[in-house]
């Protein structure tokens, strides 16, 4: 099984571009094809970035 960590940029890109390669990587993890390694620090970073307000 493939194991890895998804960088915060990959998670955000997956949410913004649901048909892109980042979304594919996230779906592989969600479906169990890739085993994710996530620390408390990484989880906090995901939360921090997802809660930020952005002006587009």
N, C-alpha and C. Protein backbone atom coordinates (compact mmCIF):
# COMPACT_ATOMS: atom_id res chain seq x y z
N UNK A 1 0.84 -1.18 0.00
CA UNK A 1 0.00 0.00 0.00
C UNK A 1 0.88 1.24 0.00
N UNK A 2 0.43 2.23 -0.72
CA UNK A 2 1.14 3.52 -0.75
C UNK A 2 0.81 4.28 0.52
N UNK A 3 1.82 4.90 1.10
CA UNK A 3 1.64 5.71 2.30
C UNK A 3 2.18 7.10 2.04
N UNK A 4 1.53 8.11 2.65
CA UNK A 4 2.04 9.45 2.44
C UNK A 4 1.33 10.50 3.28
N UNK A 5 1.78 11.71 3.07
CA UNK A 5 1.21 12.89 3.74
C UNK A 5 0.74 13.83 2.63
N UNK A 6 -0.46 14.36 2.78
CA UNK A 6 -0.94 15.34 1.81
C UNK A 6 -0.61 16.73 2.33
N UNK A 7 0.18 17.44 1.56
CA UNK A 7 0.52 18.81 1.88
C UNK A 7 -0.76 19.64 1.91
N UNK A 8 -0.77 20.67 2.73
CA UNK A 8 -1.94 21.54 2.84
C UNK A 8 -2.32 22.11 1.47
N UNK A 9 -1.36 22.47 0.67
CA UNK A 9 -1.65 23.00 -0.67
C UNK A 9 -2.39 21.98 -1.54
N UNK A 10 -2.08 20.72 -1.36
CA UNK A 10 -2.77 19.68 -2.13
C UNK A 10 -4.23 19.59 -1.70
N UNK A 11 -4.47 19.64 -0.40
CA UNK A 11 -5.84 19.57 0.11
C UNK A 11 -6.66 20.76 -0.40
N UNK A 12 -6.10 21.96 -0.31
CA UNK A 12 -6.80 23.16 -0.76
C UNK A 12 -7.03 23.10 -2.27
N UNK A 13 -6.02 22.71 -3.02
CA UNK A 13 -6.17 22.59 -4.48
C UNK A 13 -7.25 21.58 -4.85
N UNK A 14 -7.32 20.49 -4.09
CA UNK A 14 -8.35 19.48 -4.35
C UNK A 14 -9.75 20.05 -4.15
N UNK A 15 -9.91 20.89 -3.15
CA UNK A 15 -11.22 21.49 -2.90
C UNK A 15 -11.58 22.53 -3.95
N UNK A 16 -10.57 23.24 -4.46
CA UNK A 16 -10.82 24.28 -5.45
C UNK A 16 -10.96 23.73 -6.87
N UNK A 17 -10.27 22.64 -7.16
CA UNK A 17 -10.28 22.03 -8.50
C UNK A 17 -10.67 20.56 -8.36
N UNK A 18 -11.95 20.25 -8.21
CA UNK A 18 -12.37 18.88 -7.92
C UNK A 18 -12.07 17.84 -9.00
N UNK A 19 -11.64 18.27 -10.16
CA UNK A 19 -11.29 17.32 -11.22
C UNK A 19 -9.79 17.25 -11.48
N UNK A 20 -9.01 17.97 -10.69
CA UNK A 20 -7.57 18.02 -10.90
C UNK A 20 -6.81 16.90 -10.23
N UNK A 21 -5.50 16.87 -10.44
CA UNK A 21 -4.67 15.82 -9.87
C UNK A 21 -4.65 15.82 -8.33
N UNK A 22 -4.75 16.99 -7.71
CA UNK A 22 -4.79 17.04 -6.25
C UNK A 22 -6.06 16.37 -5.73
N UNK A 23 -7.17 16.61 -6.40
CA UNK A 23 -8.43 15.97 -6.02
C UNK A 23 -8.32 14.45 -6.16
N UNK A 24 -7.65 14.03 -7.21
CA UNK A 24 -7.46 12.58 -7.41
C UNK A 24 -6.65 11.99 -6.26
N UNK A 25 -5.60 12.68 -5.85
CA UNK A 25 -4.78 12.19 -4.72
C UNK A 25 -5.61 12.14 -3.43
N UNK A 26 -6.42 13.17 -3.19
CA UNK A 26 -7.26 13.18 -2.00
C UNK A 26 -8.29 12.05 -2.03
N UNK A 27 -8.88 11.82 -3.20
CA UNK A 27 -9.85 10.72 -3.32
C UNK A 27 -9.21 9.36 -3.09
N UNK A 28 -7.99 9.19 -3.55
CA UNK A 28 -7.29 7.93 -3.29
C UNK A 28 -7.14 7.70 -1.79
N UNK A 29 -6.86 8.76 -1.06
CA UNK A 29 -6.72 8.65 0.39
C UNK A 29 -8.07 8.38 1.05
N UNK A 30 -9.09 9.10 0.62
CA UNK A 30 -10.43 8.94 1.20
C UNK A 30 -10.96 7.53 0.95
N UNK A 31 -10.67 7.00 -0.22
CA UNK A 31 -11.15 5.66 -0.58
C UNK A 31 -10.28 4.53 -0.03
N UNK A 32 -9.18 4.88 0.63
CA UNK A 32 -8.34 3.86 1.27
C UNK A 32 -7.26 3.27 0.40
N UNK A 33 -7.08 3.77 -0.81
CA UNK A 33 -6.03 3.26 -1.69
C UNK A 33 -4.65 3.77 -1.26
N UNK A 34 -4.64 4.88 -0.54
CA UNK A 34 -3.41 5.46 0.00
C UNK A 34 -3.61 5.62 1.50
N UNK A 35 -2.63 5.17 2.27
CA UNK A 35 -2.70 5.32 3.72
C UNK A 35 -2.06 6.65 4.11
N UNK A 36 -2.87 7.54 4.69
CA UNK A 36 -2.36 8.85 5.07
C UNK A 36 -1.73 8.82 6.46
N UNK A 37 -0.68 9.61 6.59
CA UNK A 37 -0.06 9.84 7.88
C UNK A 37 -0.30 11.31 8.22
N UNK A 38 -1.00 11.55 9.31
CA UNK A 38 -1.35 12.91 9.70
C UNK A 38 -1.02 13.10 11.17
N UNK A 39 -0.21 14.11 11.44
CA UNK A 39 0.12 14.44 12.82
C UNK A 39 -0.86 15.50 13.32
N UNK A 40 -0.83 15.74 14.61
CA UNK A 40 -1.67 16.80 15.18
C UNK A 40 -1.31 18.15 14.57
N UNK A 41 -0.03 18.37 14.31
CA UNK A 41 0.41 19.63 13.72
C UNK A 41 -0.14 19.82 12.31
N UNK A 42 -0.11 18.77 11.53
CA UNK A 42 -0.64 18.85 10.16
C UNK A 42 -2.14 19.08 10.20
N UNK A 43 -2.83 18.39 11.06
CA UNK A 43 -4.28 18.57 11.20
C UNK A 43 -4.60 20.02 11.58
N UNK A 44 -3.84 20.58 12.49
CA UNK A 44 -4.04 21.98 12.89
C UNK A 44 -3.78 22.92 11.72
N UNK A 45 -2.78 22.61 10.92
CA UNK A 45 -2.50 23.45 9.75
C UNK A 45 -3.64 23.39 8.75
N UNK A 46 -4.18 22.18 8.49
CA UNK A 46 -5.34 22.04 7.61
C UNK A 46 -6.47 22.93 8.12
N UNK A 47 -6.78 22.80 9.40
CA UNK A 47 -7.88 23.58 9.99
C UNK A 47 -7.63 25.09 9.87
N UNK A 48 -6.41 25.51 10.18
CA UNK A 48 -6.08 26.93 10.13
C UNK A 48 -6.28 27.49 8.72
N UNK A 49 -5.77 26.80 7.74
CA UNK A 49 -5.86 27.29 6.36
C UNK A 49 -7.31 27.26 5.87
N UNK A 50 -8.07 26.23 6.23
CA UNK A 50 -9.45 26.13 5.77
C UNK A 50 -10.35 27.18 6.42
N UNK A 51 -9.97 27.67 7.60
CA UNK A 51 -10.78 28.67 8.28
C UNK A 51 -10.46 30.10 7.84
N UNK A 52 -9.38 30.30 7.13
CA UNK A 52 -8.99 31.64 6.71
C UNK A 52 -10.00 32.23 5.74
N UNK A 53 -10.21 33.52 5.88
CA UNK A 53 -11.03 34.23 4.90
C UNK A 53 -10.13 34.64 3.75
N UNK A 54 -10.63 34.47 2.56
CA UNK A 54 -9.84 34.88 1.40
C UNK A 54 -10.66 35.85 0.56
N UNK A 55 -9.98 36.73 -0.09
CA UNK A 55 -10.62 37.66 -1.02
C UNK A 55 -10.16 37.26 -2.41
N UNK A 56 -11.10 36.87 -3.25
CA UNK A 56 -10.74 36.42 -4.59
C UNK A 56 -11.26 37.37 -5.58
